């Protein structure tokens, strides 16, 4: 069923990275809560931490999803379609 072996390898790699990110997030939850409390108490340095984490998860998950569908042979349509 796999149509593109290179895309399947990349999907597996990004899937593994995604699993690692979720594991790190799970085991560092207490630290993230402490950062949130510090931000609430006036230390604005950690304000960007959730934003950076969200971007990292978004990038890795998006790459995994794209390569996963490409490995199955599905690609997005090229160009805009018009219904005139």
PDB file of N, CA and C in Angstrom:
ATOM      1  N   UNK A   1       0.815  -1.194   0.000  1.00  0.00           N
ATOM      2  CA  UNK A   1       0.000   0.000   0.000  1.00  0.00           C
ATOM      3  C   UNK A   1       0.861   1.262   0.000  1.00  0.00           C
ATOM      4  N   UNK A   2       2.119   1.146   0.454  1.00  0.00           N
ATOM      5  CA  UNK A   2       3.004   2.306   0.461  1.00  0.00           C
ATOM      6  C   UNK A   2       3.467   2.571  -0.965  1.00  0.00           C
ATOM      7  N   UNK A   3       3.256   3.785  -1.418  1.00  0.00           N
ATOM      8  CA  UNK A   3       3.592   4.137  -2.803  1.00  0.00           C
ATOM      9  C   UNK A   3       4.936   4.856  -2.915  1.00  0.00           C
ATOM     10  N   UNK A   4       5.374   5.510  -1.827  1.00  0.00           N
ATOM     11  CA  UNK A   4       6.617   6.272  -1.860  1.00  0.00           C
ATOM     12  C   UNK A   4       7.432   5.909  -0.620  1.00  0.00           C
ATOM     13  N   UNK A   5       8.485   5.123  -0.812  1.00  0.00           N
ATOM     14  CA  UNK A   5       9.279   4.634   0.311  1.00  0.00           C
ATOM     15  C   UNK A   5      10.022   5.767   1.017  1.00  0.00           C
ATOM     16  N   UNK A   6      10.500   6.756   0.262  1.00  0.00           N
ATOM     17  CA  UNK A   6      11.215   7.876   0.877  1.00  0.00           C
ATOM     18  C   UNK A   6      10.280   8.682   1.778  1.00  0.00           C
ATOM     19  N   UNK A   7       9.065   8.901   1.311  1.00  0.00           N
ATOM     20  CA  UNK A   7       8.089   9.630   2.127  1.00  0.00           C
ATOM     21  C   UNK A   7       7.707   8.810   3.356  1.00  0.00           C
ATOM     22  N   UNK A   8       7.650   7.487   3.218  1.00  0.00           N
ATOM     23  CA  UNK A   8       7.335   6.630   4.362  1.00  0.00           C
ATOM     24  C   UNK A   8       8.430   6.710   5.422  1.00  0.00           C
ATOM     25  N   UNK A   9       9.693   6.751   4.984  1.00  0.00           N
ATOM     26  CA  UNK A   9      10.797   6.890   5.941  1.00  0.00           C
ATOM     27  C   UNK A   9      10.734   8.234   6.650  1.00  0.00           C
ATOM     28  N   UNK A  10      10.436   9.293   5.895  1.00  0.00           N
ATOM     29  CA  UNK A  10      10.329  10.615   6.515  1.00  0.00           C
ATOM     30  C   UNK A  10       9.140  10.677   7.470  1.00  0.00           C
ATOM     31  N   UNK A  11       8.039  10.034   7.101  1.00  0.00           N
ATOM     32  CA  UNK A  11       6.869   9.988   7.986  1.00  0.00           C
ATOM     33  C   UNK A  11       7.220   9.254   9.278  1.00  0.00           C
ATOM     34  N   UNK A  12       7.946   8.160   9.166  1.00  0.00           N
ATOM     35  CA  UNK A  12       8.354   7.418  10.358  1.00  0.00           C
ATOM     36  C   UNK A  12       9.279   8.251  11.239  1.00  0.00           C
ATOM     37  N   UNK A  13      10.195   8.991  10.607  1.00  0.00           N
ATOM     38  CA  UNK A  13      11.106   9.841  11.365  1.00  0.00           C
ATOM     39  C   UNK A  13      10.334  10.933  12.107  1.00  0.00           C
ATOM     40  N   UNK A  14       9.458  11.632  11.404  1.00  0.00           N
ATOM     41  CA  UNK A  14       8.687  12.690  12.052  1.00  0.00           C
ATOM     42  C   UNK A  14       7.692  12.118  13.060  1.00  0.00           C
ATOM     43  N   UNK A  15       7.202  10.920  12.843  1.00  0.00           N
ATOM     44  CA  UNK A  15       6.357  10.265  13.834  1.00  0.00           C
ATOM     45  C   UNK A  15       7.132   9.966  15.107  1.00  0.00           C
ATOM     46  N   UNK A  16       8.368   9.505  14.945  1.00  0.00           N
ATOM     47  CA  UNK A  16       9.231   9.251  16.098  1.00  0.00           C
ATOM     48  C   UNK A  16       9.537  10.553  16.839  1.00  0.00           C
ATOM     49  N   UNK A  17       9.853  11.603  16.102  1.00  0.00           N
ATOM     50  CA  UNK A  17      10.118  12.906  16.729  1.00  0.00           C
ATOM     51  C   UNK A  17       8.886  13.394  17.479  1.00  0.00           C
ATOM     52  N   UNK A  18       7.715  13.183  16.899  1.00  0.00           N
ATOM     53  CA  UNK A  18       6.471  13.568  17.556  1.00  0.00           C
ATOM     54  C   UNK A  18       6.287  12.817  18.868  1.00  0.00           C
ATOM     55  N   UNK A  19       6.563  11.524  18.854  1.00  0.00           N
ATOM     56  CA  UNK A  19       6.470  10.733  20.085  1.00  0.00           C
ATOM     57  C   UNK A  19       7.443  11.237  21.149  1.00  0.00           C
ATOM     58  N   UNK A  20       8.647  11.585  20.726  1.00  0.00           N
ATOM     59  CA  UNK A  20       9.641  12.120  21.659  1.00  0.00           C
ATOM     60  C   UNK A  20       9.157  13.449  22.240  1.00  0.00           C
ATOM     61  N   UNK A  21       8.601  14.319  21.396  1.00  0.00           N
ATOM     62  CA  UNK A  21       8.094  15.603  21.885  1.00  0.00           C
ATOM     63  C   UNK A  21       6.984  15.409  22.913  1.00  0.00           C
ATOM     64  N   UNK A  22       6.050  14.507  22.636  1.00  0.00           N
ATOM     65  CA  UNK A  22       4.971  14.254  23.584  1.00  0.00           C
ATOM     66  C   UNK A  22       5.499  13.663  24.891  1.00  0.00           C
ATOM     67  N   UNK A  23       6.510  12.802  24.800  1.00  0.00           N
ATOM     68  CA  UNK A  23       7.102  12.228  26.007  1.00  0.00           C
ATOM     69  C   UNK A  23       7.791  13.302  26.839  1.00  0.00           C
ATOM     70  N   UNK A  24       8.552  14.164  26.180  1.00  0.00           N
ATOM     71  CA  UNK A  24       9.220  15.260  26.887  1.00  0.00           C
ATOM     72  C   UNK A  24       8.183  16.192  27.507  1.00  0.00           C
ATOM     73  N   UNK A  25       7.127  16.481  26.784  1.00  0.00           N
ATOM     74  CA  UNK A  25       6.065  17.338  27.321  1.00  0.00           C
ATOM     75  C   UNK A  25       5.428  16.693  28.553  1.00  0.00           C
ATOM     76  N   UNK A  26       5.182  15.402  28.497  1.00  0.00           N
ATOM     77  CA  UNK A  26       4.569  14.702  29.620  1.00  0.00           C
ATOM     78  C   UNK A  26       5.461  14.760  30.861  1.00  0.00           C
ATOM     79  N   UNK A  27       6.752  14.498  30.679  1.00  0.00           N
ATOM     80  CA  UNK A  27       7.646  14.449  31.828  1.00  0.00           C
ATOM     81  C   UNK A  27       8.091  15.833  32.314  1.00  0.00           C
ATOM     82  N   UNK A  28       7.856  16.870  31.534  1.00  0.00           N
ATOM     83  CA  UNK A  28       8.220  18.218  31.974  1.00  0.00           C
ATOM     84  C   UNK A  28       6.986  19.072  32.278  1.00  0.00           C
ATOM     85  N   UNK A  29       5.868  18.433  32.509  1.00  0.00           N
ATOM     86  CA  UNK A  29       4.629  19.176  32.783  1.00  0.00           C
ATOM     87  C   UNK A  29       4.755  20.027  34.039  1.00  0.00           C
ATOM     88  N   UNK A  30       5.404  19.507  35.068  1.00  0.00           N
ATOM     89  CA  UNK A  30       5.564  20.283  36.304  1.00  0.00           C
ATOM     90  C   UNK A  30       6.392  21.543  36.066  1.00  0.00           C
ATOM     91  N   UNK A  31       7.411  21.432  35.252  1.00  0.00           N
ATOM     92  CA  UNK A  31       8.236  22.600  34.935  1.00  0.00           C
ATOM     93  C   UNK A  31       7.416  23.647  34.168  1.00  0.00           C
ATOM     94  N   UNK A  32       6.577  23.196  33.246  1.00  0.00           N
ATOM     95  CA  UNK A  32       5.747  24.127  32.483  1.00  0.00           C
ATOM     96  C   UNK A  32       4.733  24.833  33.376  1.00  0.00           C
ATOM     97  N   UNK A  33       4.190  24.116  34.346  1.00  0.00           N
ATOM     98  CA  UNK A  33       3.276  24.741  35.303  1.00  0.00           C
ATOM     99  C   UNK A  33       4.027  25.776  36.133  1.00  0.00           C
ATOM    100  N   UNK A  34       5.251  25.467  36.535  1.00  0.00           N
ATOM    101  CA  UNK A  34       6.059  26.428  37.288  1.00  0.00           C
ATOM    102  C   UNK A  34       6.346  27.669  36.448  1.00  0.00           C
ATOM    103  N   UNK A  35       6.612  27.482  35.170  1.00  0.00           N
ATOM    104  CA  UNK A  35       6.829  28.633  34.290  1.00  0.00           C
ATOM    105  C   UNK A  35       5.566  29.477  34.171  1.00  0.00           C
ATOM    106  N   UNK A  36       4.421  28.824  34.092  1.00  0.00           N
ATOM    107  CA  UNK A  36       3.152  29.560  34.008  1.00  0.00           C
ATOM    108  C   UNK A  36       2.924  30.368  35.273  1.00  0.00           C
ATOM    109  N   UNK A  37       3.219  29.775  36.422  1.00  0.00           N
ATOM    110  CA  UNK A  37       3.068  30.516  37.683  1.00  0.00           C
ATOM    111  C   UNK A  37       4.042  31.685  37.752  1.00  0.00           C
ATOM    112  N   UNK A  38       5.281  31.473  37.304  1.00  0.00           N
ATOM    113  CA  UNK A  38       6.269  32.553  37.306  1.00  0.00           C
ATOM    114  C   UNK A  38       5.822  33.685  36.392  1.00  0.00           C
ATOM    115  N   UNK A  39       5.247  33.350  35.255  1.00  0.00           N
ATOM    116  CA  UNK A  39       4.745  34.377  34.337  1.00  0.00           C
ATOM    117  C   UNK A  39       3.597  35.138  34.976  1.00  0.00           C
ATOM    118  N   UNK A  40       2.722  34.420  35.656  1.00  0.00           N
ATOM    119  CA  UNK A  40       1.593  35.067  36.331  1.00  0.00           C
ATOM    120  C   UNK A  40       2.078  35.976  37.457  1.00  0.00           C
ATOM    121  N   UNK A  41       3.183  35.605  38.087  1.00  0.00           N
ATOM    122  CA  UNK A  41       3.721  36.393  39.192  1.00  0.00           C
ATOM    123  C   UNK A  41       4.559  37.578  38.731  1.00  0.00           C
ATOM    124  N   UNK A  42       4.723  37.756  37.441  1.00  0.00           N
ATOM    125  CA  UNK A  42       5.412  38.942  36.938  1.00  0.00           C
ATOM    126  C   UNK A  42       6.665  38.684  36.138  1.00  0.00           C
ATOM    127  N   UNK A  43       7.183  37.470  36.109  1.00  0.00           N
ATOM    128  CA  UNK A  43       8.373  37.156  35.325  1.00  0.00           C
ATOM    129  C   UNK A  43       7.943  36.835  33.900  1.00  0.00           C
ATOM    130  N   UNK A  44       8.010  37.813  33.041  1.00  0.00           N
ATOM    131  CA  UNK A  44       7.467  37.681  31.680  1.00  0.00           C
ATOM    132  C   UNK A  44       8.407  36.970  30.715  1.00  0.00           C
ATOM    133  N   UNK A  45       9.548  36.501  31.194  1.00  0.00           N
ATOM    134  CA  UNK A  45      10.509  35.833  30.330  1.00  0.00           C
ATOM    135  C   UNK A  45       9.941  34.546  29.733  1.00  0.00           C
ATOM    136  N   UNK A  46       9.122  33.842  30.494  1.00  0.00           N
ATOM    137  CA  UNK A  46       8.599  32.554  30.050  1.00  0.00           C
ATOM    138  C   UNK A  46       7.310  32.686  29.253  1.00  0.00           C
ATOM    139  N   UNK A  47       6.939  33.891  28.895  1.00  0.00           N
ATOM    140  CA  UNK A  47       5.708  34.132  28.138  1.00  0.00           C
ATOM    141  C   UNK A  47       5.726  33.412  26.793  1.00  0.00           C
ATOM    142  N   UNK A  48       6.877  33.328  26.170  1.00  0.00           N
ATOM    143  CA  UNK A  48       6.980  32.747  24.837  1.00  0.00           C
ATOM    144  C   UNK A  48       7.119  31.228  24.836  1.00  0.00           C
ATOM    145  N   UNK A  49       7.318  30.614  25.997  1.00  0.00           N
ATOM    146  CA  UNK A  49       7.516  29.161  26.055  1.00  0.00           C
ATOM    147  C   UNK A  49       6.350  28.384  25.439  1.00  0.00           C
ATOM    148  N   UNK A  50       5.094  28.662  25.808  1.00  0.00           N
ATOM    149  CA  UNK A  50       4.005  27.896  25.191  1.00  0.00           C
ATOM    150  C   UNK A  50       3.881  28.145  23.693  1.00  0.00           C
ATOM    151  N   UNK A  51       4.234  29.332  23.251  1.00  0.00           N
ATOM    152  CA  UNK A  51       4.156  29.646  21.825  1.00  0.00           C
ATOM    153  C   UNK A  51       5.207  28.842  21.055  1.00  0.00           C
ATOM    154  N   UNK A  52       6.413  28.786  21.569  1.00  0.00           N
ATOM    155  CA  UNK A  52       7.488  28.029  20.925  1.00  0.00           C
ATOM    156  C   UNK A  52       7.148  26.536  20.916  1.00  0.00           C
ATOM    157  N   UNK A  53       6.603  26.047  22.022  1.00  0.00           N
ATOM    158  CA  UNK A  53       6.214  24.637  22.100  1.00  0.00           C
ATOM    159  C   UNK A  53       5.121  24.337  21.076  1.00  0.00           C
ATOM    160  N   UNK A  54       4.139  25.219  20.975  1.00  0.00           N
ATOM    161  CA  UNK A  54       3.047  25.007  20.017  1.00  0.00           C
ATOM    162  C   UNK A  54       3.561  25.005  18.582  1.00  0.00           C
ATOM    163  N   UNK A  55       4.477  25.915  18.247  1.00  0.00           N
ATOM    164  CA  UNK A  55       5.038  25.939  16.902  1.00  0.00           C
ATOM    165  C   UNK A  55       5.834  24.664  16.615  1.00  0.00           C
ATOM    166  N   UNK A  56       6.598  24.188  17.590  1.00  0.00           N
ATOM    167  CA  UNK A  56       7.384  22.966  17.390  1.00  0.00           C
ATOM    168  C   UNK A  56       6.461  21.775  17.136  1.00  0.00           C
ATOM    169  N   UNK A  57       5.417  21.634  17.957  1.00  0.00           N
ATOM    170  CA  UNK A  57       4.475  20.536  17.762  1.00  0.00           C
ATOM    171  C   UNK A  57       3.757  20.664  16.422  1.00  0.00           C
ATOM    172  N   UNK A  58       3.381  21.871  16.071  1.00  0.00           N
ATOM    173  CA  UNK A  58       2.667  22.092  14.819  1.00  0.00           C
ATOM    174  C   UNK A  58       3.536  21.722  13.617  1.00  0.00           C
ATOM    175  N   UNK A  59       4.789  22.144  13.629  1.00  0.00           N
ATOM    176  CA  UNK A  59       5.691  21.850  12.516  1.00  0.00           C
ATOM    177  C   UNK A  59       5.912  20.345  12.368  1.00  0.00           C
ATOM    178  N   UNK A  60       6.229  19.686  13.483  1.00  0.00           N
ATOM    179  CA  UNK A  60       6.535  18.259  13.432  1.00  0.00           C
ATOM    180  C   UNK A  60       5.294  17.460  13.034  1.00  0.00           C
ATOM    181  N   UNK A  61       4.158  17.785  13.622  1.00  0.00           N
ATOM    182  CA  UNK A  61       2.939  17.052  13.296  1.00  0.00           C
ATOM    183  C   UNK A  61       2.516  17.304  11.842  1.00  0.00           C
ATOM    184  N   UNK A  62       2.653  18.540  11.381  1.00  0.00           N
ATOM    185  CA  UNK A  62       2.320  18.854   9.994  1.00  0.00           C
ATOM    186  C   UNK A  62       3.212  18.118   9.012  1.00  0.00           C
ATOM    187  N   UNK A  63       4.499  18.055   9.303  1.00  0.00           N
ATOM    188  CA  UNK A  63       5.427  17.321   8.430  1.00  0.00           C
ATOM    189  C   UNK A  63       5.096  15.835   8.438  1.00  0.00           C
ATOM    190  N   UNK A  64       4.819  15.284   9.621  1.00  0.00           N
ATOM    191  CA  UNK A  64       4.442  13.869   9.700  1.00  0.00           C
ATOM    192  C   UNK A  64       3.201  13.589   8.866  1.00  0.00           C
ATOM    193  N   UNK A  65       2.177  14.416   9.022  1.00  0.00           N
ATOM    194  CA  UNK A  65       0.925  14.207   8.299  1.00  0.00           C
ATOM    195  C   UNK A  65       1.131  14.305   6.790  1.00  0.00           C
ATOM    196  N   UNK A  66       1.889  15.319   6.358  1.00  0.00           N
ATOM    197  CA  UNK A  66       2.151  15.486   4.933  1.00  0.00           C
ATOM    198  C   UNK A  66       2.878  14.296   4.335  1.00  0.00           C
ATOM    199  N   UNK A  67       3.941  13.831   5.001  1.00  0.00           N
ATOM    200  CA  UNK A  67       4.683  12.684   4.494  1.00  0.00           C
ATOM    201  C   UNK A  67       3.876  11.391   4.579  1.00  0.00           C
ATOM    202  N   UNK A  68       3.024  11.278   5.605  1.00  0.00           N
ATOM    203  CA  UNK A  68       2.176  10.098   5.738  1.00  0.00           C
ATOM    204  C   UNK A  68       1.250   9.964   4.537  1.00  0.00           C
ATOM    205  N   UNK A  69       0.562  11.038   4.194  1.00  0.00           N
ATOM    206  CA  UNK A  69      -0.361  10.982   3.050  1.00  0.00           C
ATOM    207  C   UNK A  69       0.396  10.824   1.740  1.00  0.00           C
ATOM    208  N   UNK A  70       1.576  11.437   1.656  1.00  0.00           N
ATOM    209  CA  UNK A  70       2.387  11.281   0.440  1.00  0.00           C
ATOM    210  C   UNK A  70       2.845   9.836   0.279  1.00  0.00           C
ATOM    211  N   UNK A  71       3.179   9.191   1.392  1.00  0.00           N
ATOM    212  CA  UNK A  71       3.597   7.789   1.328  1.00  0.00           C
ATOM    213  C   UNK A  71       2.460   6.903   0.843  1.00  0.00           C
ATOM    214  N   UNK A  72       1.225   7.285   1.137  1.00  0.00           N
ATOM    215  CA  UNK A  72       0.067   6.523   0.676  1.00  0.00           C
ATOM    216  C   UNK A  72      -0.356   6.884  -0.743  1.00  0.00           C
ATOM    217  N   UNK A  73       0.311   7.890  -1.321  1.00  0.00           N
ATOM    218  CA  UNK A  73       0.024   8.270  -2.695  1.00  0.00           C
ATOM    219  C   UNK A  73      -0.980   9.402  -2.843  1.00  0.00           C
ATOM    220  N   UNK A  74      -1.337  10.035  -1.755  1.00  0.00           N
ATOM    221  CA  UNK A  74      -2.282  11.160  -1.827  1.00  0.00           C
ATOM    222  C   UNK A  74      -1.548  12.477  -1.729  1.00  0.00           C
ATOM    223  N   UNK A  75      -1.815  13.359  -2.666  1.00  0.00           N
ATOM    224  CA  UNK A  75      -1.176  14.680  -2.676  1.00  0.00           C
ATOM    225  C   UNK A  75      -2.251  15.743  -2.872  1.00  0.00           C
ATOM    226  N   UNK A  76      -1.946  16.941  -2.415  1.00  0.00           N
ATOM    227  CA  UNK A  76      -2.873  18.051  -2.572  1.00  0.00           C
ATOM    228  C   UNK A  76      -2.970  18.435  -4.035  1.00  0.00           C
ATOM    229  N   UNK A  77      -4.115  18.963  -4.410  1.00  0.00           N
ATOM    230  CA  UNK A  77      -4.324  19.414  -5.795  1.00  0.00           C
ATOM    231  C   UNK A  77      -3.450  20.646  -6.040  1.00  0.00           C
ATOM    232  N   UNK A  78      -2.918  20.728  -7.232  1.00  0.00           N
ATOM    233  CA  UNK A  78      -2.092  21.896  -7.606  1.00  0.00           C
ATOM    234  C   UNK A  78      -2.978  22.968  -8.215  1.00  0.00           C
ATOM    235  N   UNK A  79      -2.764  24.185  -7.807  1.00  0.00           N
ATOM    236  CA  UNK A  79      -3.509  25.312  -8.375  1.00  0.00           C
ATOM    237  C   UNK A  79      -4.882  25.466  -7.791  1.00  0.00           C
ATOM    238  N   UNK A  80      -5.442  26.630  -8.019  1.00  0.00           N
ATOM    239  CA  UNK A  80      -6.788  26.930  -7.510  1.00  0.00           C
ATOM    240  C   UNK A  80      -7.823  26.445  -8.532  1.00  0.00           C
ATOM    241  N   UNK A  81      -8.919  25.969  -8.035  1.00  0.00           N
ATOM    242  CA  UNK A  81     -10.001  25.555  -8.916  1.00  0.00           C
ATOM    243  C   UNK A  81     -11.091  26.599  -8.870  1.00  0.00           C
ATOM    244  N   UNK A  82     -11.755  26.757  -9.971  1.00  0.00           N
ATOM    245  CA  UNK A  82     -12.820  27.748 -10.084  1.00  0.00           C
ATOM    246  C   UNK A  82     -14.123  27.045 -10.424  1.00  0.00           C
ATOM    247  N   UNK A  83     -15.192  27.496  -9.813  1.00  0.00           N
ATOM    248  CA  UNK A  83     -16.499  26.878 -10.073  1.00  0.00           C
ATOM    249  C   UNK A  83     -17.386  27.839 -10.850  1.00  0.00           C
ATOM    250  N   UNK A  84     -16.892  28.303 -11.986  1.00  0.00           N
ATOM    251  CA  UNK A  84     -17.678  29.230 -12.821  1.00  0.00           C
ATOM    252  C   UNK A  84     -18.484  28.477 -13.838  1.00  0.00           C
TER     253      UNK A  84
END
